[in-house]
């Protein structure tokens, strides 16, 4: 546990200071996509498109960040943020349609996601929410879970971003989805997010989509 805390602390202090700590009336959707051969790709793409077009149609009310792990070169698409690159959404869809899977590099993901939310933070320096609501979603698979990324990524980000107070104030919700009854997540109710218990208070469980 000590080693993991040192690693996370090192990642945090290596990042630049926040660039965008102002409040917004928008609702932010963050979507992390773990993709392999068991992913129901078309169903997933349809879900992503719903979020994407919702943000396009209601820019004053909606913002979205899509994150697809891809080894050291993750695919990130942002809509209605200061780093808006909505035109790259088609590239993300193409990645999902033309590749069987994408590698999860946990170190790259932790660093990159922290960089994203350092520039588009979910809380101000005073601890106030920057968005009306944050909908934080993981589309995962059994491979992701078996490799320990339930702890190394999900639990670590929960701890890094101090999500519990936001959840308690109903400003943030975390959802876990998997795509197939034949790819059931090996969920352990006693220690669902690892033995280090970085987030004992997490109550959500994976749900099929």
C-alpha atoms as a PDB file:
ATOM      1  CA  UNK A   1       0.000   0.000   0.000  1.00  0.00           C
ATOM      2  CA  UNK A   2       2.837   2.386   0.882  1.00  0.00           C
ATOM      3  CA  UNK A   3       4.426   1.826  -2.528  1.00  0.00           C
ATOM      4  CA  UNK A   4       1.202   2.648  -4.372  1.00  0.00           C
ATOM      5  CA  UNK A   5       0.675   5.845  -2.382  1.00  0.00           C
ATOM      6  CA  UNK A   6       4.233   6.949  -3.213  1.00  0.00           C
ATOM      7  CA  UNK A   7       3.636   6.304  -6.908  1.00  0.00           C
ATOM      8  CA  UNK A   8       0.360   8.249  -6.905  1.00  0.00           C
ATOM      9  CA  UNK A   9       1.869  11.133  -4.947  1.00  0.00           C
ATOM     10  CA  UNK A  10       4.713  11.291  -7.429  1.00  0.00           C
ATOM     11  CA  UNK A  11       2.267  11.475 -10.319  1.00  0.00           C
ATOM     12  CA  UNK A  12       0.302  14.260  -8.682  1.00  0.00           C
ATOM     13  CA  UNK A  13       3.207  16.576  -7.871  1.00  0.00           C
ATOM     14  CA  UNK A  14       4.572  16.135 -11.413  1.00  0.00           C
ATOM     15  CA  UNK A  15       1.527  17.833 -12.944  1.00  0.00           C
ATOM     16  CA  UNK A  16       1.210  21.566 -13.689  1.00  0.00           C
ATOM     17  CA  UNK A  17      -1.156  23.757 -11.702  1.00  0.00           C
ATOM     18  CA  UNK A  18      -4.827  23.941 -12.647  1.00  0.00           C
ATOM     19  CA  UNK A  19      -5.658  26.024 -15.720  1.00  0.00           C
ATOM     20  CA  UNK A  20      -9.451  26.063 -15.601  1.00  0.00           C
ATOM     21  CA  UNK A  21     -10.770  26.205 -12.056  1.00  0.00           C
ATOM     22  CA  UNK A  22     -14.037  28.027 -12.675  1.00  0.00           C
ATOM     23  CA  UNK A  23     -17.561  26.842 -12.093  1.00  0.00           C
ATOM     24  CA  UNK A  24     -19.883  25.862 -14.934  1.00  0.00           C
ATOM     25  CA  UNK A  25     -23.573  25.121 -15.345  1.00  0.00           C
ATOM     26  CA  UNK A  26     -22.687  22.173 -17.548  1.00  0.00           C
ATOM     27  CA  UNK A  27     -23.040  18.506 -16.749  1.00  0.00           C
ATOM     28  CA  UNK A  28     -19.826  16.644 -17.589  1.00  0.00           C
ATOM     29  CA  UNK A  29     -19.753  13.045 -18.812  1.00  0.00           C
ATOM     30  CA  UNK A  30     -16.422  11.216 -18.577  1.00  0.00           C
ATOM     31  CA  UNK A  31     -16.230   7.840 -20.318  1.00  0.00           C
ATOM     32  CA  UNK A  32     -13.297   5.432 -19.926  1.00  0.00           C
ATOM     33  CA  UNK A  33     -13.411   2.594 -22.474  1.00  0.00           C
ATOM     34  CA  UNK A  34     -11.618  -0.721 -21.941  1.00  0.00           C
ATOM     35  CA  UNK A  35     -11.910  -2.475 -25.293  1.00  0.00           C
ATOM     36  CA  UNK A  36     -11.213  -6.112 -26.145  1.00  0.00           C
ATOM     37  CA  UNK A  37     -12.716  -8.921 -28.224  1.00  0.00           C
ATOM     38  CA  UNK A  38     -15.567  -9.355 -25.710  1.00  0.00           C
ATOM     39  CA  UNK A  39     -16.760  -5.761 -26.065  1.00  0.00           C
ATOM     40  CA  UNK A  40     -20.176  -5.313 -27.674  1.00  0.00           C
ATOM     41  CA  UNK A  41     -18.708  -2.735 -30.021  1.00  0.00           C
ATOM     42  CA  UNK A  42     -21.800  -1.514 -31.862  1.00  0.00           C
ATOM     43  CA  UNK A  43     -23.854  -1.229 -28.687  1.00  0.00           C
ATOM     44  CA  UNK A  44     -20.993   0.684 -27.075  1.00  0.00           C
ATOM     45  CA  UNK A  45     -20.622   3.007 -30.076  1.00  0.00           C
ATOM     46  CA  UNK A  46     -24.343   3.746 -29.971  1.00  0.00           C
ATOM     47  CA  UNK A  47     -24.012   4.735 -26.320  1.00  0.00           C
ATOM     48  CA  UNK A  48     -21.010   6.939 -27.062  1.00  0.00           C
ATOM     49  CA  UNK A  49     -22.879   8.628 -29.896  1.00  0.00           C
ATOM     50  CA  UNK A  50     -25.789   9.439 -27.602  1.00  0.00           C
ATOM     51  CA  UNK A  51     -23.453  11.290 -25.237  1.00  0.00           C
ATOM     52  CA  UNK A  52     -21.560  12.921 -28.125  1.00  0.00           C
ATOM     53  CA  UNK A  53     -24.622  14.254 -29.947  1.00  0.00           C
ATOM     54  CA  UNK A  54     -26.237  15.324 -26.694  1.00  0.00           C
ATOM     55  CA  UNK A  55     -23.182  17.499 -26.026  1.00  0.00           C
ATOM     56  CA  UNK A  56     -23.210  18.840 -29.609  1.00  0.00           C
ATOM     57  CA  UNK A  57     -26.878  19.778 -29.390  1.00  0.00           C
ATOM     58  CA  UNK A  58     -26.716  21.346 -25.920  1.00  0.00           C
ATOM     59  CA  UNK A  59     -23.279  22.976 -25.587  1.00  0.00           C
ATOM     60  CA  UNK A  60     -24.366  25.254 -22.744  1.00  0.00           C
ATOM     61  CA  UNK A  61     -25.596  22.303 -20.691  1.00  0.00           C
ATOM     62  CA  UNK A  62     -23.374  19.362 -21.654  1.00  0.00           C
ATOM     63  CA  UNK A  63     -19.676  18.573 -21.912  1.00  0.00           C
ATOM     64  CA  UNK A  64     -18.063  15.206 -22.567  1.00  0.00           C
ATOM     65  CA  UNK A  65     -14.650  13.569 -22.386  1.00  0.00           C
ATOM     66  CA  UNK A  66     -14.078  10.180 -24.037  1.00  0.00           C
ATOM     67  CA  UNK A  67     -10.957   8.229 -23.081  1.00  0.00           C
ATOM     68  CA  UNK A  68      -9.841   5.120 -24.973  1.00  0.00           C
ATOM     69  CA  UNK A  69      -6.638   3.489 -23.617  1.00  0.00           C
ATOM     70  CA  UNK A  70      -4.181   2.714 -26.383  1.00  0.00           C
ATOM     71  CA  UNK A  71      -0.878   1.823 -24.742  1.00  0.00           C
ATOM     72  CA  UNK A  72       1.255   4.963 -24.484  1.00  0.00           C
ATOM     73  CA  UNK A  73      -0.972   6.814 -26.971  1.00  0.00           C
ATOM     74  CA  UNK A  74      -4.536   6.968 -25.608  1.00  0.00           C
ATOM     75  CA  UNK A  75      -7.294   8.398 -27.775  1.00  0.00           C
ATOM     76  CA  UNK A  76      -8.941  11.367 -26.055  1.00  0.00           C
ATOM     77  CA  UNK A  77     -11.894  13.306 -27.416  1.00  0.00           C
ATOM     78  CA  UNK A  78     -13.323  16.321 -25.613  1.00  0.00           C
ATOM     79  CA  UNK A  79     -16.540  18.147 -26.427  1.00  0.00           C
ATOM     80  CA  UNK A  80     -17.382  21.628 -25.106  1.00  0.00           C
ATOM     81  CA  UNK A  81     -14.266  21.989 -22.944  1.00  0.00           C
ATOM     82  CA  UNK A  82     -11.291  24.327 -23.341  1.00  0.00           C
ATOM     83  CA  UNK A  83      -9.502  21.462 -25.114  1.00  0.00           C
ATOM     84  CA  UNK A  84     -12.389  20.720 -27.461  1.00  0.00           C
ATOM     85  CA  UNK A  85     -11.428  18.363 -30.296  1.00  0.00           C
ATOM     86  CA  UNK A  86     -14.883  17.062 -31.151  1.00  0.00           C
ATOM     87  CA  UNK A  87     -13.778  16.546 -34.756  1.00  0.00           C
ATOM     88  CA  UNK A  88     -11.732  13.530 -33.583  1.00  0.00           C
ATOM     89  CA  UNK A  89     -14.759  11.574 -32.419  1.00  0.00           C
ATOM     90  CA  UNK A  90     -14.815   9.736 -35.743  1.00  0.00           C
ATOM     91  CA  UNK A  91     -11.242   8.568 -35.122  1.00  0.00           C
ATOM     92  CA  UNK A  92     -12.280   7.087 -31.791  1.00  0.00           C
ATOM     93  CA  UNK A  93     -15.161   5.223 -33.439  1.00  0.00           C
ATOM     94  CA  UNK A  94     -12.809   4.004 -36.166  1.00  0.00           C
ATOM     95  CA  UNK A  95     -10.412   2.640 -33.520  1.00  0.00           C
ATOM     96  CA  UNK A  96     -13.227   0.620 -31.977  1.00  0.00           C
ATOM     97  CA  UNK A  97     -14.508  -0.681 -35.301  1.00  0.00           C
ATOM     98  CA  UNK A  98     -11.198  -1.649 -36.885  1.00  0.00           C
ATOM     99  CA  UNK A  99      -9.173  -3.051 -33.955  1.00  0.00           C
ATOM    100  CA  UNK A 100      -9.939  -6.154 -31.902  1.00  0.00           C
ATOM    101  CA  UNK A 101      -8.630  -4.631 -28.683  1.00  0.00           C
ATOM    102  CA  UNK A 102      -6.650  -1.778 -27.139  1.00  0.00           C
ATOM    103  CA  UNK A 103      -3.902  -2.159 -24.550  1.00  0.00           C
ATOM    104  CA  UNK A 104      -4.380  -0.600 -21.133  1.00  0.00           C
ATOM    105  CA  UNK A 105      -1.195   1.056 -19.867  1.00  0.00           C
ATOM    106  CA  UNK A 106      -2.114   1.889 -16.289  1.00  0.00           C
ATOM    107  CA  UNK A 107       0.752   4.354 -15.749  1.00  0.00           C
ATOM    108  CA  UNK A 108      -0.064   6.263 -18.948  1.00  0.00           C
ATOM    109  CA  UNK A 109      -3.767   6.277 -18.082  1.00  0.00           C
ATOM    110  CA  UNK A 110      -3.261   7.611 -14.562  1.00  0.00           C
ATOM    111  CA  UNK A 111      -0.938  10.373 -15.716  1.00  0.00           C
ATOM    112  CA  UNK A 112      -3.011  11.351 -18.754  1.00  0.00           C
ATOM    113  CA  UNK A 113      -6.347  11.410 -16.927  1.00  0.00           C
ATOM    114  CA  UNK A 114      -4.835  13.550 -14.192  1.00  0.00           C
ATOM    115  CA  UNK A 115      -3.491  15.936 -16.847  1.00  0.00           C
ATOM    116  CA  UNK A 116      -6.920  16.130 -18.443  1.00  0.00           C
ATOM    117  CA  UNK A 117      -8.608  17.040 -15.172  1.00  0.00           C
ATOM    118  CA  UNK A 118      -5.846  19.376 -14.147  1.00  0.00           C
ATOM    119  CA  UNK A 119      -6.812  21.456 -17.179  1.00  0.00           C
ATOM    120  CA  UNK A 120     -10.542  20.788 -16.834  1.00  0.00           C
ATOM    121  CA  UNK A 121     -10.905  20.241 -13.066  1.00  0.00           C
ATOM    122  CA  UNK A 122     -14.006  18.917 -11.395  1.00  0.00           C
ATOM    123  CA  UNK A 123     -13.451  20.982  -8.223  1.00  0.00           C
ATOM    124  CA  UNK A 124     -11.982  24.428  -7.541  1.00  0.00           C
ATOM    125  CA  UNK A 125      -9.054  25.075  -5.212  1.00  0.00           C
ATOM    126  CA  UNK A 126     -11.661  25.824  -2.536  1.00  0.00           C
ATOM    127  CA  UNK A 127     -13.251  22.420  -3.012  1.00  0.00           C
ATOM    128  CA  UNK A 128     -16.326  23.677  -4.838  1.00  0.00           C
ATOM    129  CA  UNK A 129     -17.696  21.644  -7.781  1.00  0.00           C
ATOM    130  CA  UNK A 130     -16.743  23.050 -11.183  1.00  0.00           C
ATOM    131  CA  UNK A 131     -19.676  21.361 -12.926  1.00  0.00           C
ATOM    132  CA  UNK A 132     -23.352  21.063 -12.112  1.00  0.00           C
ATOM    133  CA  UNK A 133     -22.864  17.295 -12.124  1.00  0.00           C
ATOM    134  CA  UNK A 134     -20.200  14.798 -13.202  1.00  0.00           C
ATOM    135  CA  UNK A 135     -21.243  11.442 -14.658  1.00  0.00           C
ATOM    136  CA  UNK A 136     -18.108   9.241 -14.469  1.00  0.00           C
ATOM    137  CA  UNK A 137     -18.369   5.992 -16.442  1.00  0.00           C
ATOM    138  CA  UNK A 138     -16.180   2.938 -16.997  1.00  0.00           C
ATOM    139  CA  UNK A 139     -16.959   0.524 -19.830  1.00  0.00           C
ATOM    140  CA  UNK A 140     -14.845  -2.448 -18.828  1.00  0.00           C
ATOM    141  CA  UNK A 141     -14.363  -6.196 -19.329  1.00  0.00           C
ATOM    142  CA  UNK A 142     -13.147  -9.209 -17.362  1.00  0.00           C
ATOM    143  CA  UNK A 143      -9.607  -8.810 -18.732  1.00  0.00           C
ATOM    144  CA  UNK A 144      -9.421  -5.288 -17.313  1.00  0.00           C
ATOM    145  CA  UNK A 145     -10.595  -6.597 -13.923  1.00  0.00           C
ATOM    146  CA  UNK A 146      -8.381  -9.699 -13.879  1.00  0.00           C
ATOM    147  CA  UNK A 147      -5.298  -7.572 -14.531  1.00  0.00           C
ATOM    148  CA  UNK A 148      -6.011  -5.668 -11.328  1.00  0.00           C
ATOM    149  CA  UNK A 149      -7.100  -2.439 -12.982  1.00  0.00           C
ATOM    150  CA  UNK A 150     -10.145  -2.295 -10.732  1.00  0.00           C
ATOM    151  CA  UNK A 151      -7.582  -1.270  -8.110  1.00  0.00           C
ATOM    152  CA  UNK A 152      -4.795   0.327 -10.128  1.00  0.00           C
ATOM    153  CA  UNK A 153      -7.083   2.549 -12.192  1.00  0.00           C
ATOM    154  CA  UNK A 154     -10.624   2.722 -10.774  1.00  0.00           C
ATOM    155  CA  UNK A 155      -9.711   2.814  -7.088  1.00  0.00           C
ATOM    156  CA  UNK A 156      -6.635   4.981  -7.653  1.00  0.00           C
ATOM    157  CA  UNK A 157      -8.605   7.635  -9.549  1.00  0.00           C
ATOM    158  CA  UNK A 158     -11.323   7.524  -6.896  1.00  0.00           C
ATOM    159  CA  UNK A 159      -8.688   8.333  -4.278  1.00  0.00           C
ATOM    160  CA  UNK A 160      -6.711  10.854  -6.358  1.00  0.00           C
ATOM    161  CA  UNK A 161      -9.780  12.931  -7.182  1.00  0.00           C
ATOM    162  CA  UNK A 162     -11.284  12.538  -3.704  1.00  0.00           C
ATOM    163  CA  UNK A 163     -14.611  11.489  -5.199  1.00  0.00           C
ATOM    164  CA  UNK A 164     -16.406  10.478  -2.018  1.00  0.00           C
ATOM    165  CA  UNK A 165     -17.396  14.012  -0.898  1.00  0.00           C
ATOM    166  CA  UNK A 166     -18.693  14.762  -4.401  1.00  0.00           C
ATOM    167  CA  UNK A 167     -20.709  11.543  -4.384  1.00  0.00           C
ATOM    168  CA  UNK A 168     -22.151  12.340  -0.963  1.00  0.00           C
ATOM    169  CA  UNK A 169     -23.141  15.830  -2.130  1.00  0.00           C
ATOM    170  CA  UNK A 170     -24.767  14.279  -5.220  1.00  0.00           C
ATOM    171  CA  UNK A 171     -22.418  16.144  -7.559  1.00  0.00           C
ATOM    172  CA  UNK A 172     -20.804  13.018  -8.997  1.00  0.00           C
ATOM    173  CA  UNK A 173     -21.835   9.480  -9.833  1.00  0.00           C
ATOM    174  CA  UNK A 174     -19.545   6.588 -10.822  1.00  0.00           C
ATOM    175  CA  UNK A 175     -20.895   3.811 -13.038  1.00  0.00           C
ATOM    176  CA  UNK A 176     -19.273   0.526 -14.115  1.00  0.00           C
ATOM    177  CA  UNK A 177     -20.580  -1.300 -17.178  1.00  0.00           C
ATOM    178  CA  UNK A 178     -19.644  -4.569 -18.871  1.00  0.00           C
ATOM    179  CA  UNK A 179     -20.934  -5.789 -22.194  1.00  0.00           C
ATOM    180  CA  UNK A 180     -21.750  -9.471 -22.068  1.00  0.00           C
ATOM    181  CA  UNK A 181     -23.279 -12.158 -19.895  1.00  0.00           C
ATOM    182  CA  UNK A 182     -20.469 -14.371 -21.247  1.00  0.00           C
ATOM    183  CA  UNK A 183     -17.787 -11.994 -19.963  1.00  0.00           C
ATOM    184  CA  UNK A 184     -18.878 -11.597 -16.360  1.00  0.00           C
ATOM    185  CA  UNK A 185     -16.735  -9.363 -14.167  1.00  0.00           C
ATOM    186  CA  UNK A 186     -15.073 -11.361 -11.314  1.00  0.00           C
ATOM    187  CA  UNK A 187     -16.486  -9.024  -8.684  1.00  0.00           C
ATOM    188  CA  UNK A 188     -15.428  -9.775  -5.091  1.00  0.00           C
ATOM    189  CA  UNK A 189     -17.948  -8.191  -2.734  1.00  0.00           C
ATOM    190  CA  UNK A 190     -15.528  -8.306   0.225  1.00  0.00           C
ATOM    191  CA  UNK A 191     -12.727  -6.416  -1.529  1.00  0.00           C
ATOM    192  CA  UNK A 192     -14.139  -5.272  -4.875  1.00  0.00           C
ATOM    193  CA  UNK A 193     -11.401  -2.753  -5.548  1.00  0.00           C
ATOM    194  CA  UNK A 194      -8.340  -4.531  -4.201  1.00  0.00           C
ATOM    195  CA  UNK A 195      -6.754  -5.483  -0.907  1.00  0.00           C
ATOM    196  CA  UNK A 196      -5.258  -2.034  -0.397  1.00  0.00           C
ATOM    197  CA  UNK A 197      -8.779  -0.678   0.097  1.00  0.00           C
ATOM    198  CA  UNK A 198      -8.043   2.778  -1.270  1.00  0.00           C
ATOM    199  CA  UNK A 199     -11.767   3.435  -1.414  1.00  0.00           C
ATOM    200  CA  UNK A 200     -13.647   1.392   1.174  1.00  0.00           C
ATOM    201  CA  UNK A 201     -16.704   3.588   0.779  1.00  0.00           C
ATOM    202  CA  UNK A 202     -17.324   2.689  -2.866  1.00  0.00           C
ATOM    203  CA  UNK A 203     -20.680   0.912  -3.134  1.00  0.00           C
ATOM    204  CA  UNK A 204     -21.243   0.649  -6.883  1.00  0.00           C
ATOM    205  CA  UNK A 205     -20.963  -2.666  -8.717  1.00  0.00           C
ATOM    206  CA  UNK A 206     -20.514  -3.552 -12.418  1.00  0.00           C
ATOM    207  CA  UNK A 207     -23.731  -3.629 -14.465  1.00  0.00           C
ATOM    208  CA  UNK A 208     -24.389  -5.086 -17.925  1.00  0.00           C
ATOM    209  CA  UNK A 209     -25.225  -2.773 -20.791  1.00  0.00           C
END
